[in-house]
Amino acid sequence: MARLLLFNKPFGVLSQFTDRGSPTARATLSDYIAVKGVYPAGRLDRDSEGLLLLTDDGRWQARIADPRFKLPKTYLVQVEGDPQEAALARLRQGVELKDGMTLPAEVARIDTPELWPRDPPIRVRKSVPDSWLTITIREGRNRQVRRMTAAVGLPTLRLVRWSIGDWTLTGLAPGQFLDLSV
């Protein structure tokens, strides 16, 4: 049986077990997970939060991380500005980025979700509103959601990956993980 960990990665934590190449120590997975033999199935940027899957099975790791399998990844995204329908339509159709056109995304405006406070908090500008979106993609390009929202004039302020496939963050506080057998 393969082992699968669902981890709620806090802001500022690297999606790896060691931090090589930095003159100052940064938080890594080893600060939260003392399980031997598991490795991340995909990545989540240091400045992003949320669901990171880890497994001890190479086939599961490939199946989860490889864009060929088009496993949906849903993000809660706080953006700067008031998204108009034209910007949302562009995200739904796919956005031209420097590395090519993205696949269409599922996008919806949502009310402010009930999430844990981020440390440090996002920057707030009194003269510029912010809004929340859910964005579901089936690719995994580097910083893709951030680049997509920026391309339509909606810079990302906070990014929380809520789900990968059927796995979600439900019930997991930042820094906690759930150990499953699959």
N, C-alpha and C. Protein backbone atom coordinates (compact mmCIF):
# COMPACT_ATOMS: atom_id res chain seq x y z
N MET A 1 0.82 -1.19 0.00
CA MET A 1 0.00 0.00 0.00
C MET A 1 0.86 1.25 0.00
N ALA A 2 0.49 2.20 -0.83
CA ALA A 2 1.23 3.46 -0.90
C ALA A 2 0.79 4.38 0.23
N ARG A 3 1.70 5.21 0.64
CA ARG A 3 1.42 6.19 1.68
C ARG A 3 1.23 7.54 1.02
N LEU A 4 0.23 8.28 1.45
CA LEU A 4 -0.05 9.61 0.91
C LEU A 4 -0.28 10.56 2.08
N LEU A 5 0.46 11.66 2.09
CA LEU A 5 0.28 12.69 3.12
C LEU A 5 -0.38 13.90 2.47
N LEU A 6 -1.41 14.42 3.11
CA LEU A 6 -2.02 15.69 2.73
C LEU A 6 -1.50 16.72 3.72
N PHE A 7 -0.76 17.70 3.24
CA PHE A 7 -0.10 18.67 4.10
C PHE A 7 -0.61 20.06 3.78
N ASN A 8 -0.96 20.83 4.81
CA ASN A 8 -1.35 22.23 4.62
C ASN A 8 -0.09 23.07 4.80
N LYS A 9 0.55 23.39 3.68
CA LYS A 9 1.82 24.12 3.69
C LYS A 9 1.59 25.58 4.06
N PRO A 10 2.22 26.03 5.13
CA PRO A 10 2.09 27.45 5.49
C PRO A 10 2.86 28.36 4.53
N PHE A 11 2.51 29.61 4.53
CA PHE A 11 3.23 30.64 3.78
C PHE A 11 4.68 30.64 4.24
N GLY A 12 5.61 30.77 3.29
CA GLY A 12 7.03 30.90 3.62
C GLY A 12 7.78 29.59 3.76
N VAL A 13 7.10 28.46 3.60
CA VAL A 13 7.75 27.15 3.72
C VAL A 13 8.11 26.65 2.32
N LEU A 14 9.34 26.16 2.17
CA LEU A 14 9.76 25.57 0.90
C LEU A 14 9.14 24.20 0.72
N SER A 15 8.84 23.83 -0.52
CA SER A 15 8.24 22.52 -0.83
C SER A 15 9.32 21.45 -1.01
N GLN A 16 10.28 21.44 -0.10
CA GLN A 16 11.36 20.46 -0.12
C GLN A 16 11.81 20.25 1.32
N PHE A 17 12.59 19.19 1.52
CA PHE A 17 12.99 18.84 2.89
C PHE A 17 14.28 19.52 3.34
N THR A 18 15.06 20.05 2.42
CA THR A 18 16.29 20.75 2.79
C THR A 18 16.34 22.09 2.06
N ASP A 19 17.13 23.00 2.61
CA ASP A 19 17.31 24.31 2.00
C ASP A 19 18.78 24.50 1.67
N ARG A 20 19.10 24.19 0.44
CA ARG A 20 20.49 24.37 -0.01
C ARG A 20 20.58 25.67 -0.78
N GLY A 21 21.70 26.35 -0.61
CA GLY A 21 21.95 27.54 -1.41
C GLY A 21 21.45 28.84 -0.82
N SER A 22 20.94 28.82 0.39
CA SER A 22 20.49 30.04 1.02
C SER A 22 21.40 30.37 2.19
N PRO A 23 21.88 31.62 2.29
CA PRO A 23 22.75 31.96 3.42
C PRO A 23 22.01 31.97 4.76
N THR A 24 20.69 32.13 4.72
CA THR A 24 19.90 32.07 5.94
C THR A 24 18.95 30.88 5.86
N ALA A 25 18.74 30.24 6.98
CA ALA A 25 17.88 29.06 7.01
C ALA A 25 16.43 29.46 6.76
N ARG A 26 15.79 28.77 5.84
CA ARG A 26 14.37 28.99 5.57
C ARG A 26 13.62 27.74 5.99
N ALA A 27 12.35 27.91 6.32
CA ALA A 27 11.52 26.78 6.74
C ALA A 27 11.35 25.80 5.58
N THR A 28 11.40 24.51 5.89
CA THR A 28 11.23 23.46 4.90
C THR A 28 10.22 22.44 5.41
N LEU A 29 9.93 21.46 4.59
CA LEU A 29 9.00 20.40 4.98
C LEU A 29 9.49 19.65 6.22
N SER A 30 10.81 19.54 6.37
CA SER A 30 11.34 18.81 7.53
C SER A 30 11.02 19.49 8.85
N ASP A 31 10.66 20.76 8.82
CA ASP A 31 10.24 21.45 10.05
C ASP A 31 8.84 21.02 10.49
N TYR A 32 8.10 20.33 9.60
CA TYR A 32 6.71 19.96 9.89
C TYR A 32 6.45 18.46 9.78
N ILE A 33 7.22 17.77 8.95
CA ILE A 33 6.93 16.37 8.65
C ILE A 33 8.14 15.51 8.99
N ALA A 34 7.97 14.61 9.94
CA ALA A 34 9.05 13.71 10.36
C ALA A 34 8.78 12.30 9.86
N VAL A 35 8.24 12.19 8.66
CA VAL A 35 7.93 10.89 8.07
C VAL A 35 9.03 10.60 7.05
N LYS A 36 9.67 9.46 7.18
CA LYS A 36 10.76 9.09 6.27
C LYS A 36 10.20 8.49 4.98
N GLY A 37 10.91 8.76 3.88
CA GLY A 37 10.62 8.09 2.62
C GLY A 37 9.49 8.68 1.80
N VAL A 38 8.97 9.84 2.18
CA VAL A 38 7.94 10.48 1.37
C VAL A 38 8.53 11.70 0.67
N TYR A 39 8.00 11.99 -0.52
CA TYR A 39 8.49 13.10 -1.33
C TYR A 39 7.32 13.86 -1.90
N PRO A 40 7.49 15.18 -2.11
CA PRO A 40 6.38 15.97 -2.66
C PRO A 40 6.00 15.51 -4.07
N ALA A 41 4.71 15.46 -4.31
CA ALA A 41 4.17 15.17 -5.64
C ALA A 41 3.76 16.53 -6.22
N GLY A 42 4.72 17.22 -6.81
CA GLY A 42 4.49 18.57 -7.30
C GLY A 42 5.08 19.57 -6.33
N ARG A 43 4.86 20.83 -6.64
CA ARG A 43 5.44 21.91 -5.83
C ARG A 43 4.37 22.95 -5.53
N LEU A 44 4.69 23.75 -4.55
CA LEU A 44 3.88 24.90 -4.20
C LEU A 44 4.87 25.97 -3.80
N ASP A 45 4.81 27.13 -4.46
CA ASP A 45 5.78 28.19 -4.22
C ASP A 45 5.87 28.55 -2.75
N ARG A 46 7.01 29.08 -2.37
CA ARG A 46 7.25 29.50 -0.99
C ARG A 46 6.22 30.52 -0.53
N ASP A 47 5.80 31.40 -1.43
CA ASP A 47 4.84 32.45 -1.05
C ASP A 47 3.39 32.05 -1.30
N SER A 48 3.16 30.76 -1.54
CA SER A 48 1.80 30.23 -1.66
C SER A 48 1.54 29.29 -0.48
N GLU A 49 0.28 29.08 -0.20
CA GLU A 49 -0.13 28.25 0.93
C GLU A 49 -1.00 27.11 0.43
N GLY A 50 -1.23 26.15 1.31
CA GLY A 50 -2.26 25.18 1.02
C GLY A 50 -1.78 23.77 0.77
N LEU A 51 -2.60 23.03 0.04
CA LEU A 51 -2.45 21.59 -0.10
C LEU A 51 -1.21 21.20 -0.90
N LEU A 52 -0.39 20.39 -0.25
CA LEU A 52 0.76 19.76 -0.89
C LEU A 52 0.65 18.28 -0.59
N LEU A 53 0.73 17.45 -1.61
CA LEU A 53 0.66 16.01 -1.43
C LEU A 53 2.06 15.43 -1.43
N LEU A 54 2.30 14.49 -0.54
CA LEU A 54 3.57 13.78 -0.48
C LEU A 54 3.28 12.30 -0.49
N THR A 55 4.15 11.51 -1.13
CA THR A 55 3.92 10.08 -1.21
C THR A 55 5.25 9.33 -1.20
N ASP A 56 5.17 8.04 -0.90
CA ASP A 56 6.35 7.18 -0.95
C ASP A 56 6.33 6.31 -2.21
N ASP A 57 5.38 6.55 -3.10
CA ASP A 57 5.19 5.73 -4.29
C ASP A 57 5.46 6.57 -5.55
N GLY A 58 6.47 6.18 -6.31
CA GLY A 58 6.85 6.93 -7.51
C GLY A 58 5.74 7.02 -8.55
N ARG A 59 4.95 5.95 -8.68
CA ARG A 59 3.84 6.00 -9.66
C ARG A 59 2.79 7.01 -9.23
N TRP A 60 2.47 7.05 -7.94
CA TRP A 60 1.50 8.04 -7.44
C TRP A 60 2.06 9.45 -7.61
N GLN A 61 3.34 9.59 -7.32
CA GLN A 61 3.98 10.90 -7.44
C GLN A 61 3.85 11.41 -8.88
N ALA A 62 4.14 10.55 -9.85
CA ALA A 62 4.03 10.94 -11.26
C ALA A 62 2.59 11.23 -11.64
N ARG A 63 1.69 10.39 -11.20
CA ARG A 63 0.27 10.56 -11.54
C ARG A 63 -0.29 11.89 -11.01
N ILE A 64 0.13 12.27 -9.81
CA ILE A 64 -0.35 13.51 -9.20
C ILE A 64 0.30 14.72 -9.85
N ALA A 65 1.59 14.66 -10.09
CA ALA A 65 2.34 15.84 -10.53
C ALA A 65 2.36 16.05 -12.04
N ASP A 66 2.27 15.00 -12.81
CA ASP A 66 2.44 15.12 -14.26
C ASP A 66 1.22 15.76 -14.92
N PRO A 67 1.43 16.89 -15.63
CA PRO A 67 0.30 17.57 -16.29
C PRO A 67 -0.43 16.72 -17.33
N ARG A 68 0.21 15.66 -17.82
CA ARG A 68 -0.47 14.80 -18.80
C ARG A 68 -1.73 14.17 -18.24
N PHE A 69 -1.78 13.99 -16.93
CA PHE A 69 -2.95 13.37 -16.30
C PHE A 69 -4.05 14.39 -15.99
N LYS A 70 -3.72 15.68 -16.13
CA LYS A 70 -4.69 16.78 -16.00
C LYS A 70 -5.53 16.70 -14.73
N LEU A 71 -4.88 16.38 -13.62
CA LEU A 71 -5.56 16.34 -12.33
C LEU A 71 -5.93 17.77 -11.95
N PRO A 72 -7.20 18.05 -11.68
CA PRO A 72 -7.59 19.44 -11.38
C PRO A 72 -7.02 19.92 -10.05
N LYS A 73 -6.53 21.15 -10.06
CA LYS A 73 -6.02 21.80 -8.86
C LYS A 73 -6.82 23.08 -8.68
N THR A 74 -7.48 23.21 -7.52
CA THR A 74 -8.32 24.38 -7.26
C THR A 74 -7.65 25.28 -6.24
N TYR A 75 -7.64 26.56 -6.56
CA TYR A 75 -7.00 27.58 -5.74
C TYR A 75 -8.02 28.61 -5.29
N LEU A 76 -7.86 29.10 -4.06
CA LEU A 76 -8.57 30.27 -3.58
C LEU A 76 -7.59 31.42 -3.77
N VAL A 77 -7.99 32.42 -4.55
CA VAL A 77 -7.06 33.46 -4.97
C VAL A 77 -7.61 34.83 -4.60
N GLN A 78 -6.87 35.54 -3.78
CA GLN A 78 -7.21 36.92 -3.46
C GLN A 78 -6.45 37.79 -4.44
N VAL A 79 -7.19 38.60 -5.20
CA VAL A 79 -6.57 39.45 -6.22
C VAL A 79 -6.80 40.92 -5.88
N GLU A 80 -5.92 41.72 -6.40
CA GLU A 80 -6.06 43.16 -6.25
C GLU A 80 -6.98 43.66 -7.36
N GLY A 81 -7.97 44.43 -7.00
CA GLY A 81 -8.90 44.97 -7.98
C GLY A 81 -10.26 44.32 -7.90
N ASP A 82 -11.14 44.78 -8.78
CA ASP A 82 -12.51 44.29 -8.86
C ASP A 82 -12.67 43.58 -10.21
N PRO A 83 -12.59 42.26 -10.24
CA PRO A 83 -12.62 41.53 -11.51
C PRO A 83 -13.90 41.80 -12.30
N GLN A 84 -13.72 42.22 -13.52
CA GLN A 84 -14.84 42.40 -14.43
C GLN A 84 -15.02 41.13 -15.25
N GLU A 85 -16.18 40.96 -15.82
CA GLU A 85 -16.50 39.74 -16.56
C GLU A 85 -15.52 39.49 -17.71
N ALA A 86 -15.03 40.54 -18.34
CA ALA A 86 -14.09 40.38 -19.46
C ALA A 86 -12.80 39.70 -18.99
N ALA A 87 -12.29 40.09 -17.82
CA ALA A 87 -11.07 39.48 -17.29
C ALA A 87 -11.32 38.02 -16.92
N LEU A 88 -12.46 37.74 -16.31
CA LEU A 88 -12.79 36.37 -15.94
C LEU A 88 -12.96 35.50 -17.19
N ALA A 89 -13.56 36.07 -18.24
CA ALA A 89 -13.75 35.33 -19.49
C ALA A 89 -12.39 34.98 -20.10
N ARG A 90 -11.43 35.89 -20.03
CA ARG A 90 -10.09 35.60 -20.55
C ARG A 90 -9.46 34.43 -19.81
N LEU A 91 -9.60 34.41 -18.49
CA LEU A 91 -9.06 33.30 -17.71
C LEU A 91 -9.74 31.99 -18.09
N ARG A 92 -11.05 32.06 -18.32
CA ARG A 92 -11.81 30.84 -18.68
C ARG A 92 -11.43 30.33 -20.07
N GLN A 93 -10.98 31.21 -20.94
CA GLN A 93 -10.63 30.80 -22.31
C GLN A 93 -9.18 30.35 -22.42
N GLY A 94 -8.35 30.75 -21.47
CA GLY A 94 -6.91 30.51 -21.55
C GLY A 94 -6.22 31.84 -21.79
N VAL A 95 -5.04 31.97 -21.22
CA VAL A 95 -4.31 33.24 -21.26
C VAL A 95 -2.97 33.01 -21.93
N GLU A 96 -2.56 33.94 -22.76
CA GLU A 96 -1.25 33.87 -23.41
C GLU A 96 -0.19 34.33 -22.40
N LEU A 97 0.73 33.43 -22.07
CA LEU A 97 1.86 33.74 -21.20
C LEU A 97 3.14 33.65 -22.02
N LYS A 98 4.26 34.03 -21.45
CA LYS A 98 5.53 33.98 -22.18
C LYS A 98 5.87 32.57 -22.65
N ASP A 99 5.43 31.56 -21.90
CA ASP A 99 5.71 30.18 -22.29
C ASP A 99 4.54 29.52 -23.02
N GLY A 100 3.64 30.34 -23.58
CA GLY A 100 2.55 29.81 -24.39
C GLY A 100 1.19 29.99 -23.76
N MET A 101 0.20 29.55 -24.50
CA MET A 101 -1.19 29.67 -24.09
C MET A 101 -1.51 28.65 -22.99
N THR A 102 -2.24 29.09 -21.97
CA THR A 102 -2.67 28.16 -20.93
C THR A 102 -3.93 27.45 -21.39
N LEU A 103 -4.21 26.34 -20.78
CA LEU A 103 -5.49 25.69 -21.00
C LEU A 103 -6.58 26.53 -20.34
N PRO A 104 -7.82 26.41 -20.78
CA PRO A 104 -8.90 27.13 -20.12
C PRO A 104 -8.98 26.75 -18.64
N ALA A 105 -9.34 27.73 -17.82
CA ALA A 105 -9.49 27.52 -16.38
C ALA A 105 -10.95 27.66 -16.00
N GLU A 106 -11.33 27.01 -14.91
CA GLU A 106 -12.64 27.24 -14.32
C GLU A 106 -12.47 28.37 -13.32
N VAL A 107 -13.27 29.42 -13.45
CA VAL A 107 -13.09 30.62 -12.62
C VAL A 107 -14.44 31.10 -12.12
N ALA A 108 -14.48 31.49 -10.85
CA ALA A 108 -15.70 32.06 -10.28
C ALA A 108 -15.32 33.06 -9.19
N ARG A 109 -16.10 34.12 -9.09
CA ARG A 109 -15.96 35.05 -7.96
C ARG A 109 -16.59 34.39 -6.75
N ILE A 110 -15.99 34.60 -5.57
CA ILE A 110 -16.54 34.04 -4.34
C ILE A 110 -16.49 35.10 -3.24
N ASP A 111 -17.29 34.88 -2.21
CA ASP A 111 -17.20 35.71 -1.02
C ASP A 111 -15.88 35.39 -0.33
N THR A 112 -15.44 36.28 0.53
CA THR A 112 -14.21 36.05 1.28
C THR A 112 -14.31 34.74 2.04
N PRO A 113 -13.39 33.79 1.76
CA PRO A 113 -13.48 32.50 2.45
C PRO A 113 -13.01 32.60 3.90
N GLU A 114 -13.46 31.66 4.70
CA GLU A 114 -13.02 31.61 6.10
C GLU A 114 -11.72 30.82 6.14
N LEU A 115 -10.62 31.56 6.16
CA LEU A 115 -9.29 30.96 6.20
C LEU A 115 -8.56 31.42 7.45
N TRP A 116 -7.50 30.76 7.77
CA TRP A 116 -6.61 31.14 8.84
C TRP A 116 -5.93 32.47 8.46
N PRO A 117 -5.50 33.25 9.45
CA PRO A 117 -4.76 34.47 9.12
C PRO A 117 -3.41 34.11 8.52
N ARG A 118 -2.96 34.90 7.56
CA ARG A 118 -1.65 34.66 6.97
C ARG A 118 -0.61 35.44 7.76
N ASP A 119 0.55 34.82 7.96
CA ASP A 119 1.65 35.47 8.66
C ASP A 119 2.87 35.47 7.75
N PRO A 120 3.28 36.63 7.26
CA PRO A 120 2.75 37.96 7.51
C PRO A 120 1.48 38.21 6.69
N PRO A 121 0.67 39.18 7.13
CA PRO A 121 -0.55 39.48 6.37
C PRO A 121 -0.22 40.07 5.01
N ILE A 122 -1.18 40.00 4.10
CA ILE A 122 -0.98 40.59 2.77
C ILE A 122 -0.94 42.11 2.90
N ARG A 123 -0.39 42.76 1.89
CA ARG A 123 -0.41 44.22 1.87
C ARG A 123 -1.82 44.67 1.51
N VAL A 124 -2.28 45.69 2.18
CA VAL A 124 -3.62 46.22 1.93
C VAL A 124 -3.48 47.68 1.55
N ARG A 125 -4.17 48.05 0.46
CA ARG A 125 -4.19 49.46 0.06
C ARG A 125 -5.63 49.93 0.15
N LYS A 126 -5.85 50.97 0.94
CA LYS A 126 -7.20 51.46 1.18
C LYS A 126 -7.89 51.92 -0.10
N SER A 127 -7.12 52.41 -1.07
CA SER A 127 -7.71 52.96 -2.29
C SER A 127 -7.94 51.90 -3.37
N VAL A 128 -7.47 50.67 -3.14
CA VAL A 128 -7.62 49.62 -4.15
C VAL A 128 -8.37 48.45 -3.52
N PRO A 129 -9.52 48.08 -4.10
CA PRO A 129 -10.27 46.95 -3.53
C PRO A 129 -9.56 45.62 -3.83
N ASP A 130 -9.95 44.60 -3.10
CA ASP A 130 -9.48 43.26 -3.43
C ASP A 130 -10.69 42.34 -3.49
N SER A 131 -10.52 41.22 -4.17
CA SER A 131 -11.61 40.27 -4.39
C SER A 131 -11.05 38.86 -4.30
N TRP A 132 -11.96 37.90 -4.15
CA TRP A 132 -11.58 36.48 -4.11
C TRP A 132 -12.16 35.73 -5.30
N LEU A 133 -11.37 34.81 -5.82
CA LEU A 133 -11.78 33.94 -6.93
C LEU A 133 -11.45 32.50 -6.57
N THR A 134 -12.16 31.57 -7.17
CA THR A 134 -11.67 30.19 -7.23
C THR A 134 -11.20 29.99 -8.66
N ILE A 135 -10.05 29.38 -8.78
CA ILE A 135 -9.49 29.08 -10.10
C ILE A 135 -9.06 27.63 -10.10
N THR A 136 -9.58 26.86 -11.05
CA THR A 136 -9.19 25.46 -11.20
C THR A 136 -8.45 25.31 -12.51
N ILE A 137 -7.23 24.77 -12.42
CA ILE A 137 -6.41 24.52 -13.62
C ILE A 137 -6.08 23.04 -13.69
N ARG A 138 -5.64 22.62 -14.85
CA ARG A 138 -5.25 21.23 -15.07
C ARG A 138 -3.84 21.14 -15.64
N GLU A 139 -3.06 22.16 -15.36
CA GLU A 139 -1.65 22.19 -15.74
C GLU A 139 -0.86 22.44 -14.48
N GLY A 140 0.42 22.62 -14.62
CA GLY A 140 1.23 22.90 -13.45
C GLY A 140 2.46 23.71 -13.80
N ARG A 141 2.28 24.75 -14.58
CA ARG A 141 3.43 25.59 -14.94
C ARG A 141 3.90 26.40 -13.73
N ASN A 142 5.14 26.81 -13.79
CA ASN A 142 5.73 27.59 -12.71
C ASN A 142 4.93 28.87 -12.48
N ARG A 143 4.46 29.06 -11.25
CA ARG A 143 3.72 30.25 -10.83
C ARG A 143 2.56 30.59 -11.78
N GLN A 144 1.92 29.56 -12.30
CA GLN A 144 0.92 29.73 -13.35
C GLN A 144 -0.25 30.60 -12.95
N VAL A 145 -0.87 30.34 -11.80
CA VAL A 145 -2.06 31.11 -11.42
C VAL A 145 -1.69 32.58 -11.22
N ARG A 146 -0.58 32.85 -10.58
CA ARG A 146 -0.13 34.23 -10.39
C ARG A 146 0.10 34.93 -11.73
N ARG A 147 0.71 34.23 -12.66
CA ARG A 147 0.98 34.83 -13.97
C ARG A 147 -0.31 35.03 -14.77
N MET A 148 -1.26 34.11 -14.62
CA MET A 148 -2.54 34.25 -15.32
C MET A 148 -3.32 35.46 -14.81
N THR A 149 -3.42 35.59 -13.48
CA THR A 149 -4.19 36.73 -12.96
C THR A 149 -3.50 38.05 -13.31
N ALA A 150 -2.17 38.08 -13.26
CA ALA A 150 -1.45 39.31 -13.62
C ALA A 150 -1.69 39.66 -15.08
N ALA A 151 -1.76 38.64 -15.95
CA ALA A 151 -1.96 38.88 -17.39
C ALA A 151 -3.30 39.53 -17.70
N VAL A 152 -4.28 39.37 -16.80
CA VAL A 152 -5.59 39.99 -17.02
C VAL A 152 -5.79 41.20 -16.11
N GLY A 153 -4.68 41.71 -15.53
CA GLY A 153 -4.75 42.93 -14.74
C GLY A 153 -5.21 42.76 -13.31
N LEU A 154 -5.08 41.55 -12.77
CA LEU A 154 -5.52 41.25 -11.40
C LEU A 154 -4.37 40.61 -10.62
N PRO A 155 -3.43 41.39 -10.11
CA PRO A 155 -2.30 40.80 -9.39
C PRO A 155 -2.77 39.98 -8.19
N THR A 156 -2.14 38.84 -7.99
CA THR A 156 -2.48 37.97 -6.86
C THR A 156 -1.86 38.49 -5.58
N LEU A 157 -2.68 38.59 -4.55
CA LEU A 157 -2.23 38.99 -3.23
C LEU A 157 -2.01 37.79 -2.32
N ARG A 158 -2.90 36.80 -2.42
CA ARG A 158 -2.80 35.59 -1.62
C ARG A 158 -3.27 34.42 -2.45
N LEU A 159 -2.54 33.31 -2.34
CA LEU A 159 -2.85 32.13 -3.13
C LEU A 159 -2.85 30.90 -2.22
N VAL A 160 -4.01 30.23 -2.15
CA VAL A 160 -4.16 29.05 -1.31
C VAL A 160 -4.66 27.90 -2.19
N ARG A 161 -3.83 26.86 -2.34
CA ARG A 161 -4.31 25.69 -3.09
C ARG A 161 -5.22 24.91 -2.16
N TRP A 162 -6.49 24.81 -2.55
CA TRP A 162 -7.49 24.16 -1.71
C TRP A 162 -7.61 22.67 -1.99
N SER A 163 -7.48 22.28 -3.26
CA SER A 163 -7.66 20.86 -3.57
C SER A 163 -6.81 20.44 -4.76
N ILE A 164 -6.53 19.14 -4.77
CA ILE A 164 -5.89 18.46 -5.90
C ILE A 164 -6.73 17.22 -6.12
N GLY A 165 -7.37 17.13 -7.29
CA GLY A 165 -8.29 16.01 -7.52
C GLY A 165 -9.37 16.02 -6.45
N ASP A 166 -9.56 14.88 -5.80
CA ASP A 166 -10.58 14.76 -4.74
C ASP A 166 -10.04 15.09 -3.35
N TRP A 167 -8.74 15.33 -3.22
CA TRP A 167 -8.15 15.62 -1.92
C TRP A 167 -8.27 17.11 -1.63
N THR A 168 -8.67 17.46 -0.40
CA THR A 168 -8.84 18.86 -0.03
C THR A 168 -8.18 19.15 1.32
N LEU A 169 -8.14 20.44 1.64
CA LEU A 169 -7.59 20.91 2.91
C LEU A 169 -8.59 20.83 4.06
N THR A 170 -9.79 20.41 3.80
CA THR A 170 -10.83 20.42 4.83
C THR A 170 -10.33 19.78 6.12
N GLY A 171 -10.40 20.56 7.20
CA GLY A 171 -10.02 20.09 8.52
C GLY A 171 -8.54 20.16 8.84
N LEU A 172 -7.71 20.64 7.92
CA LEU A 172 -6.27 20.72 8.16
C LEU A 172 -5.85 22.16 8.42
N ALA A 173 -5.29 22.43 9.57
CA ALA A 173 -4.76 23.75 9.89
C ALA A 173 -3.37 23.88 9.25
N PRO A 174 -2.88 25.09 9.05
CA PRO A 174 -1.54 25.26 8.50
C PRO A 174 -0.50 24.51 9.34
N GLY A 175 0.37 23.79 8.65
CA GLY A 175 1.42 23.01 9.32
C GLY A 175 1.00 21.61 9.71
N GLN A 176 -0.27 21.27 9.55
CA GLN A 176 -0.76 19.92 9.88
C GLN A 176 -0.77 19.04 8.63
N PHE A 177 -0.66 17.73 8.85
CA PHE A 177 -0.81 16.79 7.74
C PHE A 177 -1.67 15.62 8.16
N LEU A 178 -2.24 14.98 7.16
CA LEU A 178 -3.06 13.78 7.34
C LEU A 178 -2.36 12.65 6.61
N ASP A 179 -2.16 11.53 7.26
CA ASP A 179 -1.44 10.38 6.71
C ASP A 179 -2.47 9.35 6.26
N LEU A 180 -2.50 9.06 4.95
CA LEU A 180 -3.46 8.11 4.39
C LEU A 180 -2.73 6.93 3.75
N SER A 181 -3.41 5.82 3.63
CA SER A 181 -2.92 4.71 2.82
C SER A 181 -3.82 4.63 1.61
N VAL A 182 -3.21 4.53 0.43
CA VAL A 182 -4.00 4.47 -0.81
C VAL A 182 -3.65 3.25 -1.61
